Amino acid sequence: MNPYQIIKSRRLTEKSRVLENLKNANSNPSVAKCKAPKYVFDVHQDANKIEIARAIENIYADKRVKVVSVNVINIGGKWRRVRGFVGKTAALRKAIVTLRPEDSLDEPV
C-alpha cells in the first residue's frame, strides 16, 4: 500500500496535543520522564504497526524522523438513531507514534 493510503490524517484533538506536549512538561517527576514526542494519526483498518512506522518515516523523510514505537487503538462504530432510522457509525483505527527525543513533526516557531 501507498504510505498516504496507510496514514489517512493526523489527529488534532485536545488529548493528542497533550501527548505531543508531554516532552516539554516538567510539572511532576513522572511526566518529566516523557522526553520522546508522541503523535496521533488515523490509519487504515488493515495496516499493521510495521507498515505504519514505515509510512511515517517515508512521509516525513525530509525531516529524517525515526519511529521508536507504534501503539494501535481500534475503536468500533457506535449505534445511532436519527429520526427513526437506526445505523452504525464508521469504525476507526488510531495509531500513537513515538519518535526519537530529538525528532519533531512540527515546524520550529
Protein backbone atom coordinates (compact mmCIF):
# COMPACT_ATOMS: atom_id res chain seq x y z
CA MET A 1 0.00 0.00 0.00
CA ASN A 2 0.97 3.59 -0.58
CA PRO A 3 2.11 5.45 2.62
CA TYR A 4 -0.64 8.00 2.06
CA GLN A 5 -3.23 5.20 1.97
CA ILE A 6 -1.94 3.80 5.28
CA ILE A 7 -1.82 7.17 7.08
CA LYS A 8 -5.18 8.86 6.48
CA SER A 9 -4.66 12.01 8.55
CA ARG A 10 -3.07 13.44 11.63
CA ARG A 11 -5.49 13.57 14.55
CA LEU A 12 -5.50 17.03 16.12
CA THR A 13 -7.57 16.88 19.28
CA GLU A 14 -7.06 18.24 22.76
CA LYS A 15 -5.87 14.86 24.02
CA SER A 16 -3.41 14.42 21.13
CA ARG A 17 -1.98 17.89 21.81
CA VAL A 18 -1.41 16.89 25.45
CA LEU A 19 0.56 13.83 24.25
CA GLU A 20 2.63 15.98 21.89
CA ASN A 21 3.49 18.50 24.62
CA LEU A 22 4.49 15.95 27.27
CA LYS A 23 8.12 16.31 26.15
CA ASN A 24 8.09 19.96 27.33
CA ALA A 25 6.25 19.36 30.62
CA ASN A 26 8.13 19.32 33.93
CA SER A 27 5.16 19.51 36.30
CA ASN A 28 5.99 16.32 38.21
CA PRO A 29 8.76 13.67 38.13
CA SER A 30 6.74 11.03 36.25
CA VAL A 31 5.75 13.46 33.48
CA ALA A 32 9.30 14.81 33.25
CA LYS A 33 10.46 11.33 32.16
CA CYS A 34 8.44 11.59 28.92
CA LYS A 35 11.12 13.02 26.64
CA ALA A 36 10.03 11.34 23.40
CA PRO A 37 7.37 13.15 21.35
CA LYS A 38 4.15 11.25 20.55
CA TYR A 39 1.81 11.97 17.64
CA VAL A 40 -1.63 10.55 16.88
CA PHE A 41 -2.75 9.53 13.38
CA ASP A 42 -5.87 8.00 11.81
CA VAL A 43 -4.72 4.90 9.94
CA HIS A 44 -6.12 2.29 7.55
CA GLN A 45 -8.06 -0.55 9.21
CA ASP A 46 -5.79 -3.29 7.80
CA ALA A 47 -2.42 -1.60 8.45
CA ASN A 48 -0.10 -3.20 10.99
CA LYS A 49 2.46 -1.49 13.23
CA ILE A 50 5.43 -2.10 10.92
CA GLU A 51 3.60 -0.64 7.90
CA ILE A 52 2.54 2.39 9.97
CA ALA A 53 6.12 3.02 11.12
CA ARG A 54 7.50 2.77 7.57
CA ALA A 55 4.76 5.04 6.22
CA ILE A 56 5.52 7.76 8.81
CA GLU A 57 9.25 7.57 8.03
CA ASN A 58 8.52 7.81 4.27
CA ILE A 59 6.06 10.69 4.55
CA TYR A 60 8.36 12.72 6.82
CA ALA A 61 11.62 11.68 5.10
CA ASP A 62 12.61 15.35 4.64
CA LYS A 63 12.65 15.77 8.45
CA ARG A 64 14.55 12.48 8.93
CA VAL A 65 12.34 11.18 11.70
CA LYS A 66 12.82 7.73 13.19
CA VAL A 67 9.87 5.89 14.72
CA VAL A 68 10.67 4.25 18.05
CA SER A 69 7.30 2.59 18.72
CA VAL A 70 3.72 2.42 17.48
CA ASN A 71 0.64 1.76 19.60
CA VAL A 72 -2.63 0.99 17.81
CA ILE A 73 -6.16 1.54 19.09
CA ASN A 74 -9.27 0.10 17.41
CA ILE A 75 -12.49 2.00 18.02
CA GLY A 76 -15.67 0.25 16.96
CA GLY A 77 -18.62 2.03 15.43
CA LYS A 78 -21.47 3.20 17.65
CA TRP A 79 -25.15 2.54 17.13
CA ARG A 80 -27.08 5.75 16.46
CA ARG A 81 -30.74 6.51 15.89
CA VAL A 82 -31.73 9.51 13.80
CA ARG A 83 -35.42 10.19 13.12
CA GLY A 84 -36.38 6.54 13.46
CA PHE A 85 -33.53 5.17 11.36
CA VAL A 86 -31.02 3.00 13.15
CA GLY A 87 -27.47 2.80 11.86
CA LYS A 88 -23.88 2.39 12.88
CA THR A 89 -21.11 4.98 12.60
CA ALA A 90 -17.85 4.03 10.92
CA ALA A 91 -15.18 2.17 12.88
CA LEU A 92 -11.86 3.93 13.42
CA ARG A 93 -8.25 2.90 13.95
CA LYS A 94 -5.78 5.27 15.60
CA ALA A 95 -2.01 4.98 15.91
CA ILE A 96 0.06 6.69 18.60
CA VAL A 97 3.55 7.05 17.13
CA THR A 98 6.56 7.69 19.39
CA LEU A 99 9.61 9.33 17.81
CA ARG A 100 13.17 9.80 18.99
CA PRO A 101 13.58 12.56 21.62
CA GLU A 102 15.33 14.88 19.16
CA ASP A 103 12.74 14.45 16.37
CA SER A 104 9.68 16.59 15.76
CA LEU A 105 6.99 16.80 13.07
CA ASP A 106 6.11 20.42 13.79
CA GLU A 107 7.96 23.39 12.39
CA PRO A 108 10.03 25.32 14.96
CA VAL A 109 8.37 28.57 15.95
